Protein backbone atom coordinates (compact mmCIF):
# COMPACT_ATOMS: atom_id res chain seq x y z
CA MET A 1 15.11 -4.53 -13.62
CA LYS A 2 14.15 -7.75 -15.44
CA THR A 3 10.47 -7.81 -16.29
CA VAL A 4 8.17 -10.60 -17.41
CA LYS A 5 8.79 -9.52 -21.02
CA ASP A 6 12.52 -10.39 -20.67
CA LEU A 7 11.83 -14.10 -19.87
CA ASP A 8 11.36 -17.05 -22.17
CA LEU A 9 8.00 -18.22 -20.99
CA GLU A 10 6.71 -20.32 -23.86
CA ASN A 11 5.07 -23.48 -22.51
CA LYS A 12 6.75 -23.03 -19.07
CA LYS A 13 5.39 -23.71 -15.61
CA VAL A 14 5.34 -20.19 -14.24
CA ILE A 15 4.91 -19.32 -10.57
CA ILE A 16 3.41 -15.85 -10.11
CA ARG A 17 3.47 -14.31 -6.63
CA CYS A 18 0.35 -12.07 -6.61
CA ASP A 19 -1.08 -9.78 -3.95
CA PHE A 20 -4.59 -11.14 -3.37
CA ASN A 21 -4.75 -9.83 0.22
CA VAL A 22 -8.24 -8.44 -0.40
CA PRO A 23 -11.01 -7.67 2.05
CA ILE A 24 -13.53 -10.53 2.32
CA VAL A 25 -16.85 -10.19 4.18
CA ASP A 26 -19.16 -13.20 4.48
CA GLY A 27 -17.26 -15.02 1.82
CA LYS A 28 -17.51 -12.12 -0.69
CA ILE A 29 -14.69 -9.94 -1.94
CA VAL A 30 -15.62 -6.28 -1.30
CA ASP A 31 -12.70 -4.69 -3.10
CA ASP A 32 -10.98 -6.60 -5.92
CA THR A 33 -8.61 -3.79 -6.97
CA ARG A 34 -5.44 -5.81 -6.24
CA MET A 35 -6.81 -8.77 -8.18
CA VAL A 36 -7.70 -6.68 -11.20
CA GLU A 37 -4.19 -5.10 -11.16
CA SER A 38 -2.66 -8.61 -11.45
CA LEU A 39 -4.67 -9.66 -14.55
CA LYS A 40 -2.28 -8.19 -17.11
CA THR A 41 0.63 -10.35 -15.91
CA ILE A 42 -1.49 -13.50 -15.66
CA GLN A 43 -2.95 -13.00 -19.10
CA TYR A 44 0.47 -12.34 -20.60
CA CYS A 45 1.62 -15.73 -19.34
CA LEU A 46 -1.52 -17.45 -20.66
CA ASP A 47 -0.91 -15.86 -24.04
CA HIS A 48 2.45 -17.61 -23.98
CA HIS A 49 0.84 -21.03 -23.32
CA CYS A 50 2.13 -21.20 -19.76
CA LYS A 51 0.90 -23.41 -16.94
CA VAL A 52 0.22 -20.63 -14.40
CA ILE A 53 0.66 -21.32 -10.66
CA LEU A 54 -0.45 -18.43 -8.51
CA MET A 55 0.57 -17.79 -4.93
CA SER A 56 -0.60 -15.15 -2.41
CA HIS A 57 -1.05 -14.50 1.28
CA LEU A 58 -4.27 -13.37 2.90
CA GLY A 59 -4.37 -11.77 6.34
CA ARG A 60 -2.27 -13.05 9.17
CA VAL A 61 -2.22 -16.70 10.40
CA LYS A 62 -1.21 -17.05 13.97
CA GLU A 63 -3.62 -19.77 15.26
CA GLU A 64 -5.94 -22.43 13.97
CA ALA A 65 -8.95 -20.13 14.08
CA ASP A 66 -7.20 -17.85 11.48
CA LEU A 67 -7.23 -20.58 8.79
CA ALA A 68 -10.90 -20.54 7.93
CA LYS A 69 -11.23 -16.74 7.70
CA ASN A 70 -8.10 -16.46 5.58
CA ASP A 71 -8.98 -19.20 3.09
CA LEU A 72 -8.18 -18.21 -0.49
CA ALA A 73 -11.13 -20.27 -1.97
CA PRO A 74 -13.31 -17.18 -2.48
CA VAL A 75 -10.42 -15.54 -4.34
CA ALA A 76 -10.08 -18.49 -6.71
CA ALA A 77 -13.81 -18.29 -7.41
CA HIS A 78 -13.71 -14.54 -8.15
CA LEU A 79 -10.54 -14.90 -10.17
CA SER A 80 -12.41 -17.38 -12.48
CA GLU A 81 -14.95 -14.65 -13.12
CA LEU A 82 -12.24 -12.05 -13.82
CA LEU A 83 -10.34 -14.31 -16.20
CA HIS A 84 -13.44 -15.88 -17.80
CA LYS A 85 -11.98 -19.31 -17.26
CA GLU A 86 -11.79 -21.91 -14.55
CA VAL A 87 -9.14 -21.33 -11.88
CA LEU A 88 -8.11 -24.52 -10.15
CA PHE A 89 -7.60 -24.32 -6.41
CA SER A 90 -5.30 -26.35 -4.22
CA LYS A 91 -6.46 -26.48 -0.56
CA LYS A 92 -2.93 -27.39 0.38
CA THR A 93 0.22 -25.36 0.35
CA ARG A 94 2.43 -28.39 -0.20
CA GLY A 95 2.32 -32.14 -0.56
CA GLN A 96 1.13 -34.85 -2.93
CA GLU A 97 -2.29 -33.36 -3.68
CA LEU A 98 -0.74 -30.08 -4.83
CA GLU A 99 1.97 -31.83 -6.77
CA GLU A 100 -0.54 -34.07 -8.61
CA MET A 101 -2.73 -31.07 -9.51
CA ILE A 102 0.33 -29.38 -11.04
CA SER A 103 1.35 -32.54 -12.92
CA ARG A 104 -2.11 -32.70 -14.54
CA MET A 105 -2.05 -29.02 -15.71
CA GLU A 106 -1.98 -28.23 -19.38
CA ALA A 107 -0.86 -25.14 -21.18
CA GLY A 108 -3.37 -22.38 -20.39
CA ASP A 109 -4.41 -23.75 -17.08
CA VAL A 110 -4.43 -21.56 -13.95
CA LEU A 111 -3.98 -22.93 -10.39
CA LEU A 112 -4.22 -20.93 -7.20
CA VAL A 113 -2.33 -22.38 -4.19
CA GLN A 114 -3.81 -21.98 -0.70
CA ASN A 115 -2.77 -18.94 1.40
CA THR A 116 1.04 -19.01 1.74
CA ARG A 117 0.69 -17.87 5.34
CA TYR A 118 -0.94 -21.16 6.26
CA GLU A 119 2.76 -22.12 6.56
CA ASP A 120 3.15 -19.63 9.42
CA LEU A 121 1.12 -21.78 11.73
CA ASP A 122 4.11 -24.04 12.25
CA GLY A 123 7.16 -21.88 12.96
CA LYS A 124 6.36 -18.94 10.68
CA LYS A 125 8.05 -20.69 7.76
CA GLU A 126 6.54 -18.34 5.12
CA SER A 127 7.23 -15.01 6.94
CA SER A 128 10.71 -16.08 8.06
CA ASN A 129 11.72 -17.15 4.55
CA ASP A 130 12.33 -20.74 5.55
CA GLU A 131 14.96 -22.14 3.20
CA GLU A 132 13.36 -25.57 2.82
CA LEU A 133 9.97 -24.07 2.08
CA GLY A 134 11.31 -21.62 -0.54
CA THR A 135 13.22 -24.47 -2.19
CA TYR A 136 10.15 -26.70 -2.23
CA TRP A 137 7.87 -24.09 -3.76
CA ALA A 138 10.52 -23.25 -6.38
CA SER A 139 10.56 -26.96 -7.41
CA LEU A 140 6.98 -26.68 -8.47
CA GLY A 141 7.72 -24.32 -11.39
CA GLU A 142 10.32 -23.38 -14.01
CA VAL A 143 10.14 -19.58 -13.86
CA PHE A 144 9.16 -17.13 -11.13
CA ILE A 145 7.49 -13.77 -11.48
CA ASN A 146 6.93 -11.47 -8.50
CA ASP A 147 3.99 -9.18 -9.06
CA ALA A 148 3.09 -8.59 -5.43
CA PHE A 149 4.29 -5.04 -4.69
CA GLY A 150 2.37 -5.03 -1.36
CA THR A 151 4.76 -7.57 0.10
CA ALA A 152 7.93 -6.45 -1.67
CA HIS A 153 9.32 -4.99 1.52
CA ARG A 154 9.16 -8.42 3.17
CA ALA A 155 11.62 -11.32 2.66
CA HIS A 156 9.23 -14.26 2.55
CA ALA A 157 9.60 -17.79 1.24
CA SER A 158 7.03 -17.06 -1.45
CA ASN A 159 9.01 -14.17 -2.95
CA VAL A 160 12.73 -14.05 -1.93
CA GLY A 161 12.77 -17.82 -1.28
CA ILE A 162 11.45 -18.85 -4.65
CA ALA A 163 13.38 -16.16 -6.55
CA SER A 164 16.62 -17.53 -5.15
CA HIS A 165 16.17 -20.77 -7.04
CA LEU A 166 14.54 -19.90 -10.37
CA PRO A 167 14.91 -17.53 -13.32
CA SER A 168 12.87 -14.51 -12.15
CA ALA A 169 11.42 -11.19 -13.13
CA VAL A 170 8.86 -8.69 -11.95
CA GLY A 171 5.32 -8.51 -13.42
CA PHE A 172 3.58 -5.57 -14.94
CA LEU A 173 2.10 -4.33 -11.63
CA ILE A 174 5.50 -4.02 -9.97
CA GLU A 175 6.99 -2.51 -13.12
CA LYS A 176 4.17 0.12 -13.13
CA GLU A 177 4.76 0.86 -9.42
CA LEU A 178 8.55 1.24 -9.76
CA THR A 179 8.25 3.37 -12.90
CA ALA A 180 5.82 5.80 -11.12
CA LEU A 181 7.68 5.90 -7.77
CA SER A 182 11.16 6.21 -9.33
CA VAL A 183 10.16 9.78 -10.44
CA LEU A 184 10.54 10.78 -6.79
CA ASP A 185 14.21 9.67 -6.71
CA ASN A 186 15.08 12.86 -8.63
CA PRO A 187 11.80 14.78 -8.66
CA PRO A 188 10.97 17.89 -10.79
CA HIS A 189 10.35 21.00 -8.80
CA PRO A 190 8.34 22.31 -7.04
CA PHE A 191 8.07 18.92 -5.32
CA VAL A 192 5.32 18.75 -2.71
CA VAL A 193 4.79 16.08 -0.06
CA ILE A 194 1.49 15.70 1.71
CA LEU A 195 1.49 13.56 4.87
CA GLY A 196 -1.51 12.63 7.01
CA GLY A 197 -2.56 9.65 9.07
CA ALA A 198 -2.39 9.02 12.73
CA LYS A 199 1.20 8.82 14.09
CA VAL A 200 4.36 10.80 13.37
CA ALA A 201 6.28 7.61 14.21
CA ASP A 202 4.96 5.95 11.05
CA LYS A 203 6.28 8.72 8.86
CA ILE A 204 9.68 9.64 10.45
CA GLY A 205 11.59 7.73 7.79
CA VAL A 206 9.58 9.29 4.99
CA ILE A 207 10.16 12.81 6.35
CA GLU A 208 13.89 12.23 6.84
CA ASN A 209 14.35 10.90 3.36
CA LEU A 210 12.20 13.43 1.53
CA VAL A 211 12.74 16.66 3.49
CA GLY A 212 15.97 17.30 1.59
CA LYS A 213 14.25 16.85 -1.81
CA ALA A 214 10.93 18.46 -1.10
CA ASP A 215 10.10 22.12 -1.51
CA LYS A 216 7.17 21.86 0.87
CA ILE A 217 5.85 19.10 3.24
CA LEU A 218 2.18 19.68 4.07
CA ILE A 219 1.19 17.90 7.30
CA GLY A 220 -2.36 17.10 8.30
CA GLY A 221 -4.21 14.23 10.01
CA GLY A 222 -3.58 13.10 13.54
CA MET A 223 0.18 13.48 13.20
CA SER A 224 -0.13 17.22 12.88
CA TYR A 225 -1.06 17.71 16.49
CA THR A 226 2.28 16.42 17.73
CA PHE A 227 3.94 19.11 15.57
CA LEU A 228 1.63 21.71 17.06
CA LYS A 229 2.60 20.49 20.50
CA ALA A 230 6.19 20.76 19.59
CA GLN A 231 5.61 24.44 18.90
CA GLY A 232 4.16 24.77 22.41
CA TYR A 233 0.46 25.01 21.54
CA GLU A 234 -2.43 23.38 23.39
CA ILE A 235 -3.84 20.40 21.47
CA GLY A 236 -6.46 19.32 24.00
CA LYS A 237 -7.62 15.69 23.60
CA SER A 238 -6.20 15.54 20.04
CA LEU A 239 -4.07 12.62 18.95
CA PHE A 240 -0.57 12.94 20.46
CA ASP A 241 2.50 10.88 19.68
CA GLU A 242 4.67 11.66 22.71
CA GLU A 243 7.59 9.51 21.60
CA SER A 244 7.98 11.55 18.39
CA LEU A 245 7.79 14.97 20.07
CA ASP A 246 11.61 15.52 20.07
CA PHE A 247 11.78 14.51 16.39
CA CYS A 248 9.07 17.09 15.56
CA LYS A 249 11.01 19.82 17.42
CA ARG A 250 14.16 18.95 15.55
CA VAL A 251 12.52 18.90 12.14
CA LEU A 252 10.83 22.19 12.76
CA LYS A 253 14.11 23.74 13.90
CA GLU A 254 16.14 22.43 10.99
CA HIS A 255 13.49 22.58 8.17
CA GLY A 256 10.84 24.93 9.47
CA ASP A 257 10.75 26.75 6.08
CA LYS A 258 9.54 23.56 4.39
CA ILE A 259 7.09 22.22 6.98
CA VAL A 260 3.56 23.57 6.54
CA LEU A 261 1.15 22.90 9.39
CA PRO A 262 -2.58 23.50 9.59
CA VAL A 263 -3.77 26.94 10.68
CA ASP A 264 -7.25 25.88 11.64
CA TYR A 265 -9.15 22.69 12.54
CA ALA A 266 -12.63 21.16 12.77
CA VAL A 267 -12.79 20.54 16.52
CA THR A 268 -15.28 18.82 18.77
CA ASN A 269 -15.44 17.35 22.31
CA GLU A 270 -16.06 13.70 21.48
CA PHE A 271 -14.58 11.28 19.01
CA THR A 272 -17.86 10.73 17.07
CA ASN A 273 -19.48 11.63 13.81
CA ASP A 274 -22.71 12.66 15.57
CA GLU A 275 -21.64 15.80 17.41
CA GLU A 276 -21.45 19.09 15.55
CA TYR A 277 -17.94 20.49 15.03
CA ARG A 278 -16.53 24.04 15.30
CA LEU A 279 -13.84 25.62 13.11
CA LYS A 280 -11.13 27.02 15.33
CA ASP A 281 -7.65 28.54 14.85
CA ALA A 282 -4.91 26.00 15.46
CA LYS A 283 -3.60 28.11 18.34
CA GLU A 284 -7.00 28.20 20.06
CA ILE A 285 -7.84 24.50 20.76
CA ALA A 286 -9.16 24.18 24.23
CA ALA A 287 -8.10 21.55 26.75
CA ASP A 288 -11.40 19.65 26.40
CA GLU A 289 -11.43 19.69 22.57
CA MET A 290 -9.97 17.48 19.91
CA GLY A 291 -9.25 18.17 16.27
CA LEU A 292 -10.70 15.65 13.78
CA ASP A 293 -10.02 17.35 10.45
CA ILE A 294 -8.12 20.27 8.98
CA GLY A 295 -10.14 23.44 8.51
CA GLU A 296 -11.24 25.62 5.69
CA LYS A 297 -8.31 28.02 5.76
CA THR A 298 -5.79 25.16 5.90
CA THR A 299 -7.42 23.42 2.88
CA MET A 300 -7.25 26.64 0.87
CA MET A 301 -3.57 27.09 1.91
CA PHE A 302 -2.73 23.51 0.85
CA GLU A 303 -4.52 24.11 -2.47
CA ASP A 304 -2.43 27.21 -3.19
CA ILE A 305 0.78 25.29 -2.61
CA LEU A 306 -0.37 22.19 -4.43
CA LYS A 307 -1.43 24.06 -7.58
CA GLU A 308 2.21 25.13 -8.17
CA ALA A 309 3.59 21.54 -7.82
CA ALA A 310 5.41 19.91 -10.67
CA ILE A 311 4.76 16.62 -8.80
CA ALA A 312 3.34 15.61 -5.40
CA ILE A 313 3.27 12.51 -3.32
CA TRP A 314 0.51 12.03 -0.76
CA ASN A 315 0.38 9.46 2.04
CA GLY A 316 -2.39 9.43 4.63
CA PRO A 317 -5.76 11.20 4.96
CA LEU A 318 -5.95 14.68 6.48
CA GLY A 319 -8.82 13.97 8.86
CA VAL A 320 -10.78 11.05 10.38
CA TYR A 321 -11.99 10.01 6.93
CA GLU A 322 -13.97 7.07 8.36
CA PHE A 323 -16.38 9.73 9.71
CA GLU A 324 -18.49 11.45 7.06
CA LYS A 325 -18.06 14.85 8.65
CA TYR A 326 -14.25 14.65 8.77
CA LYS A 327 -13.37 13.19 5.33
CA LYS A 328 -14.56 16.36 3.60
CA ASN A 329 -11.25 18.15 3.24
CA THR A 330 -9.28 15.01 2.24
CA VAL A 331 -11.82 14.53 -0.60
CA ARG A 332 -11.79 18.23 -1.48
CA LEU A 333 -8.00 18.24 -1.91
CA LEU A 334 -8.24 15.09 -3.99
CA GLU A 335 -10.83 16.75 -6.17
CA PHE A 336 -8.67 19.87 -6.50
CA ALA A 337 -5.67 17.79 -7.59
CA VAL A 338 -7.73 16.00 -10.24
CA GLU A 339 -9.51 19.14 -11.58
CA ASN A 340 -6.23 21.00 -11.82
CA ASN A 341 -4.36 18.08 -13.50
CA ILE A 342 -1.69 17.99 -10.83
CA LYS A 343 0.70 15.12 -11.18
CA ILE A 344 0.00 13.40 -7.85
CA ILE A 345 1.03 10.03 -6.58
CA LEU A 346 -1.06 8.48 -3.86
CA GLY A 347 1.23 6.50 -1.53
CA GLY A 348 -0.84 3.46 -0.80
CA GLY A 349 -3.03 2.41 2.15
CA ASP A 350 -5.78 4.72 3.51
CA ILE A 351 -5.39 7.53 1.07
CA VAL A 352 -5.90 5.21 -1.88
CA ALA A 353 -8.96 3.75 -0.10
CA ALA A 354 -10.29 7.30 0.40
CA ALA A 355 -9.66 8.13 -3.30
CA THR A 356 -11.31 4.91 -4.41
CA ALA A 357 -14.44 5.62 -2.32
CA ALA A 358 -14.59 9.15 -3.68
CA GLY A 359 -14.15 8.03 -7.29
CA TYR A 360 -10.75 9.65 -7.86
CA LYS A 361 -8.43 6.65 -7.84
CA GLU A 362 -8.42 6.20 -11.60
CA LYS A 363 -8.02 9.90 -12.22
CA VAL A 364 -4.73 10.58 -10.42
CA TYR A 365 -1.25 10.09 -11.94
CA HIS A 366 -0.65 6.97 -9.91
CA ALA A 367 -2.28 5.20 -6.92
CA SER A 368 0.07 2.77 -5.32
CA THR A 369 -1.16 -0.71 -4.38
CA GLY A 370 1.50 -0.99 -1.69
CA GLY A 371 1.04 0.01 1.94
CA GLY A 372 4.21 -0.75 3.82
CA ALA A 373 6.15 -1.34 0.62
CA THR A 374 5.36 2.14 -0.65
CA LEU A 375 6.28 3.70 2.66
CA GLU A 376 9.63 1.89 2.79
CA TYR A 377 10.32 2.95 -0.81
CA LEU A 378 9.65 6.52 0.23
CA GLU A 379 11.97 6.04 3.18
CA GLY A 380 14.76 5.18 0.69
CA LYS A 381 14.95 1.51 1.87
CA GLY A 382 15.58 -1.44 -0.47
CA LEU A 383 12.72 -3.87 -1.12
CA PRO A 384 13.93 -7.46 -0.62
CA GLY A 385 11.20 -8.98 -2.79
CA ILE A 386 12.53 -6.94 -5.74
CA GLU A 387 16.23 -7.10 -4.92
CA ALA A 388 16.02 -10.93 -5.03
CA ILE A 389 15.03 -10.86 -8.74
CA HIS A 390 17.87 -12.12 -10.96
């Protein structure tokens, strides 16, 4: 894989596709993790006297009302603080104004282009990898670096489109992601997979790809109740993914020795943080109850398996971690992994958010910045945004 270090960058106009899809509330960025992760690549280009042109999407743009709330102007302002230098901002994604701003750039200047998905308002040109748009954006630079792992599973004009026309490479963030995740292609053993989250349907591809490699797959979260149902147990009002029931039955039949399900749950009658919960055996959930977290016995069982792991991958929380009462065991298992120096990879999305909130993100072996991209990698799929690099 060609990385930024393999390119001749000196004094070049370099387009860097970043992932600045960060949460913004009242014009303020509330989590700049993805921005901070991009700084190494940006600074490397600045050290090589480049004119740096940054591109990113933010949110989804389906109608006019989406433009204002997905404006990248706050990102440009915050990036100026992170880089300790002015970051120019183009309010336009194309046209004379943008072109003139680029023509006036000097070595060491940084310009952020407006949200690439503004181009989706008229025919989804960005998201459909419109040929004309990709060609136009490529014409603005001399070299392309893709450092947006979070969109690597999508063929967009701002990644695949530009890469098709310019000498290209991946940045340090993507290099770091691929180096960490590639360990799972031929993992050391015991190899443990931890899967949580809401729906089995979201993890079918991951299970199918990893069940042959894994020694154990520990299943928690909302998806575990469909597996319980597949065993014939009452799950009450717990989350149920009916469409995935047959899949669960098949996996349990073919790989029952590898699938580890909860033996107890924190159950209640209402989906709320206010009501007190009860710890109940997994086989004793009543018709009017719902499970909102794994229980004490299950957590201890998971810890016993995890402590033997040579490496582990974890995707999805084990309970309703948005509720204070039901994030306890997700946090406890994270703490256990860190305190026991277990080589654990957090597979993007909600589990990384949970680890960040609990203060463990920087203490694990790797916390992926990708959501869908990480999942598709774990499913064994190719990532178009990376395959386009040449």
